[in-house]
Amino acid sequence: MTTARPWLDQYKSDVPHELGELPYNSVADMLNDACQKFGPREAYVNFGKSITYQQLDNYSKQLAAYLQSHFEIGDSIAIMMPNVLQYPIAVQAILRAGMVVTNVNPLYTPRELKHQLNDSDAKAIIVIENTACTLAEVIDDTGVEKVITATIGEMVGGLKGKIMDFVIKRVKKMVPPFNLPGSISFKTALKKGQSLKFTPVKRELDDIAFLQYTGGTTGVSKGAMLTNKNMVSNVTQTRFWISSEIEEGQEIIITALPLYHIFALTANCLTFAQYGAKNILITNPRDMPGFVKELSQYQFTVLTGVNTLFNGLLNTPGFADLDFSKFKFALGGGMAVQKSTATKWKQVTGVTLAEAYGLTETSPAACMNKVPMEEYNGTIGIPIPSTDCQIQDDEGNPLPIGEPGELCIRGPQVMLGYLNRPDETAKTIVNGWLKTGDVAVMDEKGYFKIVDRKKNMILVSGFNVFPNEIEDAACLHDHIVECAAVGVPDEKSGEIVKLFVVRSNDDLTEKDVINHCREHLTGYKVPKLVEFREELPKSNVGKILHKDLRES
């Protein structure tokens, strides 16, 4: 039976097996406490403008008072913004007002936005002006009663903020026209809140804090109901895992992944607030040269990201010249960290790229490598406190060590279920185990390794072929920047492997790629087809979209 609770000797004995009593009853209490404890310290920085924990407390209280004057405890309030200063203010305000946060991807289409607003029964939305046109298309078909609009330069303030907004709107034309009658600006909502009474609200551990939307393990976008217990537990679990390396008031964490995604929300926004960290918000990490320029201004200590983000930084001029003297650890999640990326990362930064694993449905952390790591080990680590992991077959039976199967998880961070979808919840949480949809193996030391998503598996002549393995091998080539493997129909084999490649040298040929893969892979795993692309389709957090490539 591969239920794993391997608290290895190399890990500090002060990491408990179980969490015990949680330190807070709600996420709001946890954030409010951080603001009281670290008041004068810088909390968030965006485009050179910073706000302190005290200012965060004041702003969030003002916005909370405004929300309380219009809505009821338990109402759902949507946030549709990138990483800007308004985001952490909005999250804390909604929670301390006793309401529920539903995070919305600003890149959503009108159809996707309409679905989420209606499914979550959102009563209000705080939206960045750049995407307000999308909201304007669907708002009449939703239950949204109040719209608060924000601009990128609004909280930067002063002449700089005004110039930023002018350039964004008038020069770069990045704000399409929109008409949202009755909407008010973010700063106006704060001002109105100053003259209103804020009433503290007591929330309990079992109350829902976030409706976090995800494709889940099956089907359309669903709202994972994450309670205060889920979120406070996961922050507490993570703190036990990293606390030996973190110093209160001394950390500078880089937040390039969007805060509306569960990884950055829990890891960067919630967890590091408990240490009084300075959080550097990167609004557009796809602008790699601009990202590196921003990094050059700080002696950062922690960076979270996905493999494509780390790989992109390594291939951006100037990154290798940054000051890494204070850098403590980099944590990768969201997708597999490739060995080639981890090797280059260590060579350039001197810091080992540690991999962790989680899902929206687990708030998100479930497994993690202890940081700092001496060397990359190719695994997602071991279960964090109060978490059980098990490898199961399709019938739910536990599998032996070393045999691949579906990774299943149970612990206090596992969601309550999917909103309005009891059938989907019943398919995903079976006998107390969350079925992740990921194929994994556990080794004799209790470390887990993700093989691939079940739905991405390629079947070649009856053999299971996992894209992660092919991609990892292919990216060992010096001239392959990134790649993705998918299965395509074949009369003889059922499926064959096709590899999509982004190359750094135009002289690299299809034959070169195939020959390289032959050196590292068994014959049936070697790609039969290679297609070169300028770029690969990615999700909002940088995951390569295999589904889109299969359909192309």
Protein backbone atom coordinates (compact mmCIF):
# COMPACT_ATOMS: atom_id res chain seq x y z
CA MET A 1 0.00 0.00 0.00
CA THR A 2 1.50 3.33 -1.06
CA THR A 3 -0.01 5.71 1.45
CA ALA A 4 2.92 7.96 2.24
CA ARG A 5 3.69 9.80 5.45
CA PRO A 6 7.48 9.58 5.23
CA TRP A 7 8.94 12.12 7.62
CA LEU A 8 12.53 11.53 6.67
CA ASP A 9 15.45 11.94 9.09
CA GLN A 10 17.00 14.64 6.93
CA TYR A 11 13.99 16.87 7.66
CA LYS A 12 13.98 18.92 10.81
CA SER A 13 12.27 17.29 13.79
CA ASP A 14 10.37 20.49 14.56
CA VAL A 15 8.15 19.87 11.52
CA PRO A 16 5.09 18.15 13.01
CA HIS A 17 3.25 15.17 11.61
CA GLU A 18 -0.06 16.90 12.20
CA LEU A 19 -1.05 20.56 12.19
CA GLY A 20 -2.85 20.58 15.50
CA GLU A 21 -5.15 23.52 16.26
CA LEU A 22 -5.12 26.18 13.55
CA PRO A 23 -3.88 29.64 14.59
CA TYR A 24 -6.76 31.53 12.91
CA ASN A 25 -10.49 31.02 12.29
CA SER A 26 -10.44 32.77 8.93
CA VAL A 27 -8.20 34.07 6.17
CA ALA A 28 -9.37 37.58 7.03
CA ASP A 29 -8.14 37.19 10.63
CA MET A 30 -4.82 35.90 9.33
CA LEU A 31 -4.31 38.86 6.98
CA ASN A 32 -5.51 41.42 9.51
CA ASP A 33 -3.05 40.05 12.06
CA ALA A 34 -0.18 40.43 9.58
CA CYS A 35 -1.12 44.05 8.99
CA GLN A 36 -1.12 44.77 12.72
CA LYS A 37 2.19 42.99 13.26
CA PHE A 38 4.12 44.48 10.32
CA GLY A 39 2.39 47.85 9.97
CA PRO A 40 5.23 50.13 8.76
CA ARG A 41 6.92 47.53 6.56
CA GLU A 42 6.45 47.58 2.80
CA ALA A 43 3.87 44.98 1.80
CA TYR A 44 3.48 45.30 -1.98
CA VAL A 45 5.42 47.08 -4.71
CA ASN A 46 4.20 47.64 -8.27
CA PHE A 47 5.88 49.83 -10.87
CA GLY A 48 8.07 51.30 -8.13
CA LYS A 49 5.12 52.32 -5.93
CA SER A 50 4.84 50.60 -2.56
CA ILE A 51 2.16 50.32 0.09
CA THR A 52 2.84 49.33 3.68
CA TYR A 53 0.97 46.74 5.71
CA GLN A 54 -0.67 49.63 7.58
CA GLN A 55 -1.85 51.19 4.33
CA LEU A 56 -3.10 47.79 3.17
CA ASP A 57 -5.10 47.54 6.39
CA ASN A 58 -6.57 51.04 5.96
CA TYR A 59 -7.42 50.66 2.26
CA SER A 60 -8.99 47.24 2.74
CA LYS A 61 -11.08 48.50 5.66
CA GLN A 62 -12.36 51.38 3.53
CA LEU A 63 -13.29 49.11 0.64
CA ALA A 64 -14.84 46.60 3.04
CA ALA A 65 -17.05 49.35 4.48
CA TYR A 66 -18.17 50.29 0.97
CA LEU A 67 -19.00 46.66 0.13
CA GLN A 68 -20.89 46.20 3.39
CA SER A 69 -23.09 49.18 2.52
CA HIS A 70 -24.31 47.37 -0.60
CA PHE A 71 -24.07 43.61 -0.02
CA GLU A 72 -24.70 40.88 2.52
CA ILE A 73 -22.37 38.56 4.41
CA GLY A 74 -21.64 35.54 2.23
CA ASP A 75 -22.22 37.32 -1.09
CA SER A 76 -19.78 36.53 -3.88
CA ILE A 77 -17.61 39.40 -5.15
CA ALA A 78 -15.52 38.90 -8.29
CA ILE A 79 -12.03 40.27 -8.93
CA MET A 80 -10.84 40.50 -12.55
CA MET A 81 -7.37 42.03 -12.40
CA PRO A 82 -3.73 41.26 -13.12
CA ASN A 83 -1.00 41.78 -10.51
CA VAL A 84 -1.58 45.39 -9.47
CA LEU A 85 -1.78 47.02 -6.05
CA GLN A 86 -5.57 46.96 -6.07
CA TYR A 87 -5.63 43.16 -6.05
CA PRO A 88 -4.38 42.44 -2.48
CA ILE A 89 -6.48 45.34 -1.20
CA ALA A 90 -9.58 43.89 -2.84
CA VAL A 91 -8.99 40.37 -1.53
CA GLN A 92 -8.54 41.50 2.05
CA ALA A 93 -11.50 43.88 1.81
CA ILE A 94 -13.90 41.23 0.50
CA LEU A 95 -12.86 38.71 3.14
CA ARG A 96 -12.98 41.12 6.08
CA ALA A 97 -16.41 42.29 4.89
CA GLY A 98 -17.55 38.69 5.42
CA MET A 99 -17.95 38.00 1.70
CA VAL A 100 -16.54 35.44 -0.72
CA VAL A 101 -13.81 36.09 -3.31
CA THR A 102 -14.25 34.67 -6.79
CA ASN A 103 -11.13 35.22 -8.88
CA VAL A 104 -11.58 35.79 -12.61
CA ASN A 105 -8.93 35.50 -15.31
CA PRO A 106 -8.72 38.91 -17.06
CA LEU A 107 -8.10 37.10 -20.37
CA TYR A 108 -11.48 35.37 -20.29
CA THR A 109 -13.75 35.57 -23.31
CA PRO A 110 -17.27 36.98 -22.85
CA ARG A 111 -18.69 33.44 -22.80
CA GLU A 112 -16.27 32.31 -20.08
CA LEU A 113 -16.84 35.43 -18.00
CA LYS A 114 -20.62 35.16 -18.22
CA HIS A 115 -20.46 31.52 -17.11
CA GLN A 116 -18.34 32.27 -14.04
CA LEU A 117 -20.27 35.34 -12.93
CA ASN A 118 -23.57 33.46 -13.14
CA ASP A 119 -22.28 30.21 -11.67
CA SER A 120 -20.74 32.02 -8.69
CA ASP A 121 -23.78 34.33 -8.37
CA ALA A 122 -21.40 37.31 -8.19
CA LYS A 123 -23.09 40.45 -6.88
CA ALA A 124 -20.24 42.79 -7.78
CA ILE A 125 -17.01 42.80 -9.74
CA ILE A 126 -13.78 44.76 -9.42
CA VAL A 127 -12.33 44.89 -12.94
CA ILE A 128 -9.25 46.38 -14.58
CA GLU A 129 -10.28 48.85 -17.31
CA ASN A 130 -8.19 47.01 -19.91
CA THR A 131 -10.72 44.16 -19.93
CA ALA A 132 -13.87 46.06 -18.93
CA CYS A 133 -15.11 45.80 -22.52
CA THR A 134 -15.52 42.05 -22.04
CA LEU A 135 -17.63 42.65 -18.96
CA ALA A 136 -19.72 45.24 -20.80
CA GLU A 137 -20.71 42.60 -23.37
CA VAL A 138 -22.26 40.25 -20.82
CA ILE A 139 -23.16 42.22 -17.70
CA ASP A 140 -26.84 42.52 -18.62
CA ASP A 141 -27.05 38.72 -18.67
CA THR A 142 -25.61 38.36 -15.16
CA GLY A 143 -26.67 39.17 -11.62
CA VAL A 144 -23.87 41.71 -11.12
CA GLU A 145 -25.26 44.80 -9.37
CA LYS A 146 -22.16 46.91 -8.90
CA VAL A 147 -18.99 47.44 -10.96
CA ILE A 148 -15.78 48.94 -9.60
CA THR A 149 -13.23 49.78 -12.30
CA ALA A 150 -9.48 50.07 -11.74
CA THR A 151 -6.59 51.37 -13.82
CA ILE A 152 -3.00 50.17 -13.82
CA GLY A 153 -1.65 53.60 -12.82
CA GLU A 154 -4.39 54.50 -10.34
CA MET A 155 -2.66 53.30 -7.16
CA VAL A 156 0.80 54.22 -8.47
CA GLY A 157 -0.50 57.75 -8.12
CA GLY A 158 1.06 61.12 -8.76
CA LEU A 159 2.33 62.27 -12.14
CA LYS A 160 3.81 58.85 -12.87
CA GLY A 161 0.46 57.11 -12.47
CA LYS A 162 -1.31 59.66 -14.66
CA ILE A 163 1.31 59.32 -17.38
CA MET A 164 1.08 55.53 -17.22
CA ASP A 165 -2.69 55.58 -17.66
CA PHE A 166 -2.47 58.13 -20.48
CA VAL A 167 0.07 56.05 -22.38
CA ILE A 168 -1.88 52.81 -21.79
CA LYS A 169 -5.17 54.36 -22.96
CA ARG A 170 -4.21 56.95 -25.58
CA VAL A 171 -0.84 55.87 -26.96
CA LYS A 172 -0.80 52.08 -26.73
CA LYS A 173 -4.60 51.82 -27.09
CA MET A 174 -4.71 49.01 -24.52
CA VAL A 175 -8.14 49.96 -23.14
CA PRO A 176 -10.89 49.17 -25.66
CA PRO A 177 -14.00 51.36 -25.36
CA PHE A 178 -16.60 50.13 -22.88
CA ASN A 179 -19.90 51.30 -21.43
CA LEU A 180 -20.73 50.27 -17.87
CA PRO A 181 -23.41 52.66 -16.56
CA GLY A 182 -23.30 53.20 -12.82
CA SER A 183 -19.74 51.91 -12.39
CA ILE A 184 -17.37 53.74 -10.07
CA SER A 185 -13.59 53.87 -9.87
CA PHE A 186 -11.58 51.95 -7.30
CA LYS A 187 -10.34 55.15 -5.69
CA THR A 188 -13.90 56.50 -5.49
CA ALA A 189 -14.99 53.32 -3.69
CA LEU A 190 -12.14 53.82 -1.19
CA LYS A 191 -13.13 57.45 -0.66
CA LYS A 192 -16.78 56.57 -0.12
CA GLY A 193 -15.71 53.85 2.33
CA GLN A 194 -13.88 56.42 4.48
CA SER A 195 -17.17 58.00 5.51
CA LEU A 196 -18.96 54.68 6.07
CA LYS A 197 -18.94 52.48 9.15
CA PHE A 198 -16.98 49.25 8.87
CA THR A 199 -18.41 46.40 10.95
CA PRO A 200 -15.99 43.59 11.81
CA VAL A 201 -17.39 40.21 10.82
CA LYS A 202 -16.65 36.93 12.55
CA ARG A 203 -16.21 34.10 10.05
CA GLU A 204 -15.72 30.44 10.91
CA LEU A 205 -13.35 27.81 9.57
CA ASP A 206 -16.11 26.04 7.66
CA ASP A 207 -17.26 29.18 5.84
CA ILE A 208 -16.31 29.51 2.18
CA ALA A 209 -13.57 32.09 1.57
CA PHE A 210 -12.82 31.59 -2.13
CA LEU A 211 -14.68 30.26 -5.15
CA GLN A 212 -11.65 29.37 -7.23
CA TYR A 213 -12.55 28.35 -10.77
CA THR A 214 -10.76 25.54 -12.53
CA GLY A 215 -11.19 23.11 -15.37
CA GLY A 216 -10.74 20.52 -12.65
CA THR A 217 -10.00 16.94 -13.54
CA THR A 218 -12.89 16.83 -16.02
CA GLY A 219 -15.06 19.08 -18.16
CA VAL A 220 -15.99 22.75 -17.99
CA SER A 221 -14.85 25.39 -15.55
CA LYS A 222 -16.07 24.66 -12.03
CA GLY A 223 -15.94 26.62 -8.80
CA ALA A 224 -13.83 24.87 -6.17
CA MET A 225 -15.30 25.83 -2.80
CA LEU A 226 -12.28 26.64 -0.63
CA THR A 227 -13.11 27.25 3.00
CA ASN A 228 -11.24 29.26 5.59
CA LYS A 229 -10.09 25.93 7.00
CA ASN A 230 -8.71 24.86 3.62
CA MET A 231 -6.76 28.07 3.11
CA VAL A 232 -5.54 28.63 6.68
CA SER A 233 -4.49 24.97 6.82
CA ASN A 234 -2.51 25.23 3.61
CA VAL A 235 -0.73 28.40 4.70
CA THR A 236 0.10 26.73 8.02
CA GLN A 237 1.30 23.56 6.27
CA THR A 238 3.51 25.58 3.93
CA ARG A 239 4.95 27.64 6.77
CA PHE A 240 6.09 24.49 8.57
CA TRP A 241 7.86 23.46 5.39
CA ILE A 242 9.77 26.69 4.73
CA SER A 243 10.04 28.36 8.14
CA SER A 244 13.64 27.33 8.80
CA GLU A 245 14.77 29.45 5.83
CA ILE A 246 12.53 32.48 6.20
CA GLU A 247 13.19 35.54 8.37
CA GLU A 248 10.40 37.87 9.38
CA GLY A 249 10.64 41.26 7.74
CA GLN A 250 13.65 40.28 5.62
CA GLU A 251 12.14 38.57 2.58
CA ILE A 252 11.59 40.00 -0.89
CA ILE A 253 9.40 37.68 -2.95
CA ILE A 254 8.85 38.06 -6.67
CA THR A 255 5.26 37.53 -7.78
CA ALA A 256 5.17 37.00 -11.52
CA LEU A 257 2.43 34.36 -11.57
CA PRO A 258 -1.01 35.99 -11.44
CA LEU A 259 -2.46 36.39 -7.96
CA TYR A 260 -5.85 35.27 -9.25
CA HIS A 261 -4.27 31.82 -9.71
CA ILE A 262 -4.27 29.58 -6.64
CA PHE A 263 -0.47 29.05 -6.60
CA ALA A 264 0.47 32.71 -6.24
CA LEU A 265 -2.64 33.49 -4.18
CA THR A 266 -1.72 31.06 -1.40
CA ALA A 267 2.07 31.01 -1.68
CA ASN A 268 2.88 34.65 -2.40
CA CYS A 269 -0.10 36.65 -1.18
CA LEU A 270 -1.22 34.72 1.90
CA THR A 271 1.81 32.78 3.13
CA PHE A 272 4.48 35.45 2.78
CA ALA A 273 2.25 38.07 4.35
CA GLN A 274 2.70 36.04 7.54
CA TYR A 275 6.42 36.87 7.42
CA GLY A 276 6.01 40.57 6.67
CA ALA A 277 7.62 40.05 3.27
CA LYS A 278 7.94 42.69 0.57
CA ASN A 279 5.98 41.38 -2.41
CA ILE A 280 7.08 42.63 -5.84
CA LEU A 281 4.10 42.45 -8.21
CA ILE A 282 5.00 41.83 -11.85
CA THR A 283 2.04 42.92 -13.97
CA ASN A 284 3.26 41.57 -17.31
CA PRO A 285 5.84 38.78 -16.94
CA ARG A 286 5.47 37.91 -20.65
CA ASP A 287 7.59 41.00 -21.28
CA MET A 288 10.77 39.14 -20.32
CA PRO A 289 13.22 42.03 -20.88
CA GLY A 290 11.00 44.27 -18.73
CA PHE A 291 10.72 41.51 -16.13
CA VAL A 292 14.51 41.16 -15.91
CA LYS A 293 14.86 44.94 -15.63
CA GLU A 294 12.44 44.88 -12.70
CA LEU A 295 14.36 42.04 -11.05
CA SER A 296 17.58 44.04 -11.31
CA GLN A 297 16.18 46.60 -8.85
CA TYR A 298 15.88 44.17 -5.94
CA GLN A 299 18.01 41.72 -4.00
CA PHE A 300 15.15 39.26 -4.05
CA THR A 301 15.14 36.20 -1.81
CA VAL A 302 12.31 34.03 -3.17
CA LEU A 303 10.81 33.46 -6.60
CA THR A 304 7.85 31.25 -7.48
CA GLY A 305 6.96 30.21 -10.99
CA VAL A 306 6.35 27.51 -13.56
CA ASN A 307 8.90 25.79 -15.79
CA THR A 308 8.18 28.02 -18.78
CA LEU A 309 8.75 31.14 -16.67
CA PHE A 310 12.12 29.89 -15.37
CA ASN A 311 13.12 28.79 -18.87
CA GLY A 312 12.10 32.16 -20.30
CA LEU A 313 14.22 34.01 -17.75
CA LEU A 314 17.24 31.81 -18.49
CA ASN A 315 16.93 32.70 -22.17
CA THR A 316 16.57 36.45 -21.60
CA PRO A 317 19.70 38.61 -21.90
CA GLY A 318 20.70 40.19 -18.61
CA PHE A 319 19.18 37.58 -16.32
CA ALA A 320 22.50 35.83 -15.71
CA ASP A 321 24.02 39.18 -14.65
CA LEU A 322 21.54 39.78 -11.79
CA ASP A 323 22.57 39.85 -8.14
CA PHE A 324 21.67 36.46 -6.65
CA SER A 325 23.60 36.94 -3.41
CA LYS A 326 20.43 37.05 -1.25
CA PHE A 327 18.48 34.50 -3.29
CA LYS A 328 17.29 31.65 -1.00
CA PHE A 329 15.05 29.46 -3.08
CA ALA A 330 12.91 29.16 -6.18
CA LEU A 331 9.76 27.09 -6.05
CA GLY A 332 8.30 25.58 -9.19
CA GLY A 333 4.76 24.28 -9.55
CA GLY A 334 1.81 24.25 -11.91
CA MET A 335 3.62 21.95 -14.33
CA ALA A 336 6.63 19.62 -14.26
CA VAL A 337 10.03 21.24 -13.76
CA GLN A 338 12.29 19.89 -16.50
CA LYS A 339 15.75 18.63 -15.64
CA SER A 340 17.36 20.78 -18.34
CA THR A 341 15.77 23.91 -16.89
CA ALA A 342 16.71 22.96 -13.32
CA THR A 343 20.32 22.27 -14.35
CA LYS A 344 20.72 25.62 -16.11
CA TRP A 345 18.96 27.41 -13.25
CA LYS A 346 21.44 26.08 -10.71
CA GLN A 347 24.38 27.01 -12.96
CA VAL A 348 23.16 30.58 -13.42
CA THR A 349 21.71 31.44 -10.00
CA GLY A 350 23.52 29.03 -7.69
CA VAL A 351 20.12 28.03 -6.26
CA THR A 352 18.44 24.67 -6.79
CA LEU A 353 15.00 24.84 -8.37
CA ALA A 354 12.68 23.01 -5.95
CA GLU A 355 9.50 21.44 -7.25
CA ALA A 356 6.18 21.33 -5.42
CA TYR A 357 2.79 19.95 -6.36
CA GLY A 358 -0.76 21.01 -5.85
CA LEU A 359 -4.13 21.71 -7.40
CA THR A 360 -6.80 24.33 -7.11
CA GLU A 361 -8.77 21.64 -5.30
CA THR A 362 -6.03 21.33 -2.64
CA SER A 363 -5.66 25.08 -1.96
CA PRO A 364 -3.07 24.21 -3.62
CA ALA A 365 -0.06 22.61 -1.87
CA ALA A 366 -0.04 18.85 -1.28
CA CYS A 367 3.57 17.72 -1.82
CA MET A 368 6.75 19.73 -1.60
CA ASN A 369 10.50 19.35 -1.57
CA LYS A 370 12.10 20.82 1.52
CA VAL A 371 13.92 24.07 0.77
CA PRO A 372 16.67 24.82 0.20
CA MET A 373 17.57 21.74 -1.84
CA GLU A 374 21.14 20.75 -2.53
CA GLU A 375 20.38 19.16 -5.88
CA TYR A 376 17.38 18.80 -8.17
CA ASN A 377 15.83 15.36 -7.69
CA GLY A 378 13.11 15.23 -10.35
CA THR A 379 10.35 14.70 -7.79
CA ILE A 380 7.55 16.80 -6.30
CA GLY A 381 8.82 15.91 -2.83
CA ILE A 382 6.80 14.30 -0.07
CA PRO A 383 3.40 15.09 1.49
CA ILE A 384 3.28 18.18 3.69
CA PRO A 385 1.94 17.91 7.29
CA SER A 386 -1.50 16.35 7.78
CA THR A 387 -1.55 15.18 4.16
CA ASP A 388 -1.85 11.62 2.86
CA CYS A 389 -0.96 10.67 -0.71
CA GLN A 390 -1.70 7.35 -2.36
CA ILE A 391 -1.16 5.87 -5.82
CA GLN A 392 -4.33 4.13 -6.98
CA ASP A 393 -5.44 2.10 -9.99
CA ASP A 394 -8.64 2.87 -11.93
CA GLU A 395 -10.70 0.90 -9.40
CA GLY A 396 -9.33 2.84 -6.44
CA ASN A 397 -6.99 0.10 -5.22
CA PRO A 398 -3.59 1.17 -3.82
CA LEU A 399 -0.63 0.25 -6.02
CA PRO A 400 2.86 -0.94 -5.01
CA ILE A 401 5.92 1.28 -4.77
CA GLY A 402 7.30 2.12 -8.21
CA GLU A 403 4.11 1.32 -10.13
CA PRO A 404 2.42 4.29 -11.85
CA GLY A 405 -1.19 5.12 -11.12
CA GLU A 406 -3.42 8.04 -10.25
CA LEU A 407 -2.20 10.27 -7.43
CA CYS A 408 -4.92 10.66 -4.79
CA ILE A 409 -4.82 13.09 -1.85
CA ARG A 410 -6.58 13.66 1.45
CA GLY A 411 -5.98 16.37 4.03
CA PRO A 412 -7.47 19.53 5.56
CA GLN A 413 -6.60 21.54 2.45
CA VAL A 414 -8.87 19.48 0.15
CA MET A 415 -11.81 21.55 -1.09
CA LEU A 416 -15.36 21.26 0.18
CA GLY A 417 -16.44 20.37 -3.37
CA TYR A 418 -17.48 21.99 -6.64
CA LEU A 419 -20.15 24.68 -6.39
CA ASN A 420 -23.54 23.51 -7.74
CA ARG A 421 -21.99 20.28 -9.05
CA PRO A 422 -22.57 17.40 -6.63
CA ASP A 423 -22.12 14.84 -9.42
CA GLU A 424 -18.70 16.23 -10.36
CA THR A 425 -17.74 16.41 -6.70
CA ALA A 426 -18.69 12.76 -6.24
CA LYS A 427 -16.50 11.77 -9.20
CA THR A 428 -13.53 13.73 -7.87
CA ILE A 429 -13.68 12.99 -4.13
CA VAL A 430 -14.11 9.24 -3.70
CA ASN A 431 -14.02 7.56 -0.28
CA GLY A 432 -12.36 10.64 1.15
CA TRP A 433 -9.63 10.74 -1.52
CA LEU A 434 -9.30 13.56 -4.05
CA LYS A 435 -8.58 11.98 -7.43
CA THR A 436 -6.13 14.36 -9.09
CA GLY A 437 -6.11 13.04 -12.66
CA ASP A 438 -2.32 12.98 -12.53
CA VAL A 439 -0.31 9.80 -13.06
CA ALA A 440 2.49 9.46 -10.52
CA VAL A 441 4.84 6.96 -8.89
CA MET A 442 6.22 6.78 -5.36
CA ASP A 443 9.76 5.59 -4.68
CA GLU A 444 11.01 3.59 -1.72
CA LYS A 445 11.86 6.78 0.21
CA GLY A 446 8.33 8.15 -0.11
CA TYR A 447 9.09 10.76 -2.77
CA PHE A 448 6.49 11.23 -5.49
CA LYS A 449 7.16 11.88 -9.14
CA ILE A 450 4.51 13.06 -11.58
CA VAL A 451 4.56 11.06 -14.78
CA ASP A 452 1.89 13.06 -16.61
CA ARG A 453 -1.75 14.02 -16.79
CA LYS A 454 -3.91 10.97 -17.50
CA LYS A 455 -5.58 12.78 -20.39
CA ASN A 456 -2.21 13.65 -21.99
CA MET A 457 -1.02 10.04 -22.10
CA ILE A 458 -0.12 8.73 -25.56
CA LEU A 459 -0.83 5.08 -26.42
CA VAL A 460 1.74 3.69 -28.88
CA SER A 461 1.16 0.04 -29.88
CA GLY A 462 -0.35 -0.63 -26.46
CA PHE A 463 2.48 1.08 -24.55
CA ASN A 464 1.82 4.11 -22.34
CA VAL A 465 3.96 7.06 -23.37
CA PHE A 466 4.01 10.16 -21.19
CA PRO A 467 4.73 13.55 -22.81
CA ASN A 468 6.71 14.80 -19.78
CA GLU A 469 9.38 12.16 -20.31
CA ILE A 470 9.75 12.97 -24.01
CA GLU A 471 9.84 16.70 -23.41
CA ASP A 472 12.40 16.34 -20.64
CA ALA A 473 14.68 14.33 -22.94
CA ALA A 474 14.22 16.63 -25.93
CA CYS A 475 15.00 19.77 -23.93
CA LEU A 476 18.44 18.39 -23.11
CA HIS A 477 19.37 19.57 -26.61
CA ASP A 478 21.14 22.94 -26.47
CA HIS A 479 19.07 24.39 -29.32
CA ILE A 480 15.62 23.38 -28.07
CA VAL A 481 14.14 26.20 -26.01
CA GLU A 482 10.89 24.41 -25.20
CA CYS A 483 8.74 21.67 -26.65
CA ALA A 484 5.52 19.72 -26.26
CA ALA A 485 4.70 16.13 -27.19
CA VAL A 486 1.24 14.94 -28.23
CA GLY A 487 -0.22 11.79 -29.73
CA VAL A 488 -1.55 11.79 -33.29
CA PRO A 489 -3.55 8.96 -34.92
CA ASP A 490 -1.63 6.27 -36.79
CA GLU A 491 -3.01 3.23 -38.64
CA LYS A 492 -0.28 0.85 -37.48
CA SER A 493 0.44 2.00 -33.92
CA GLY A 494 -2.84 3.57 -32.91
CA GLU A 495 -0.91 6.71 -32.05
CA ILE A 496 2.56 8.06 -32.71
CA VAL A 497 4.43 10.84 -30.96
CA LYS A 498 4.53 14.29 -32.50
CA LEU A 499 6.85 16.89 -31.01
CA PHE A 500 6.27 20.64 -31.31
CA VAL A 501 9.57 22.50 -30.91
CA VAL A 502 10.65 26.09 -30.33
CA ARG A 503 14.31 26.27 -31.39
CA SER A 504 17.05 28.80 -30.75
CA ASN A 505 18.94 27.89 -33.93
CA ASP A 506 17.22 27.74 -37.32
CA ASP A 507 19.75 25.17 -38.51
CA LEU A 508 18.20 22.58 -36.21
CA THR A 509 16.33 20.06 -38.37
CA GLU A 510 13.61 17.49 -37.78
CA LYS A 511 16.21 14.75 -38.27
CA ASP A 512 18.49 16.35 -35.65
CA VAL A 513 15.67 16.35 -33.10
CA ILE A 514 14.70 12.75 -33.77
CA ASN A 515 18.30 11.55 -33.59
CA HIS A 516 18.80 13.39 -30.33
CA CYS A 517 15.68 11.79 -28.85
CA ARG A 518 16.87 8.34 -29.95
CA GLU A 519 19.89 8.76 -27.71
CA HIS A 520 17.68 9.23 -24.65
CA LEU A 521 14.45 7.31 -25.28
CA THR A 522 13.25 3.80 -26.07
CA GLY A 523 12.28 3.37 -29.72
CA TYR A 524 8.48 3.57 -29.38
CA LYS A 525 8.80 6.82 -27.38
CA VAL A 526 10.89 8.61 -30.03
CA PRO A 527 8.90 11.28 -31.92
CA LYS A 528 8.04 10.31 -35.47
CA LEU A 529 6.95 13.83 -36.40
CA VAL A 530 8.52 17.18 -35.50
CA GLU A 531 6.95 20.57 -36.12
CA PHE A 532 8.80 23.80 -35.44
CA ARG A 533 6.84 26.71 -33.98
CA GLU A 534 7.73 30.28 -33.08
CA GLU A 535 5.89 29.80 -29.80
CA LEU A 536 3.68 27.26 -28.04
CA PRO A 537 0.15 27.95 -26.77
CA LYS A 538 0.10 28.54 -23.02
CA SER A 539 -2.40 29.11 -20.25
CA ASN A 540 -2.51 32.29 -18.18
CA VAL A 541 0.15 30.90 -15.82
CA GLY A 542 2.40 29.55 -18.56
CA LYS A 543 1.36 25.89 -18.77
CA ILE A 544 1.76 24.54 -22.28
CA LEU A 545 -1.67 23.67 -23.67
CA HIS A 546 -1.32 20.16 -25.08
CA LYS A 547 -5.03 20.11 -25.92
CA ASP A 548 -4.67 23.05 -28.30
CA LEU A 549 -1.71 21.38 -30.00
CA ARG A 550 -3.62 18.11 -30.44
CA GLU A 551 -6.42 20.03 -32.12
CA SER A 552 -4.13 22.10 -34.36
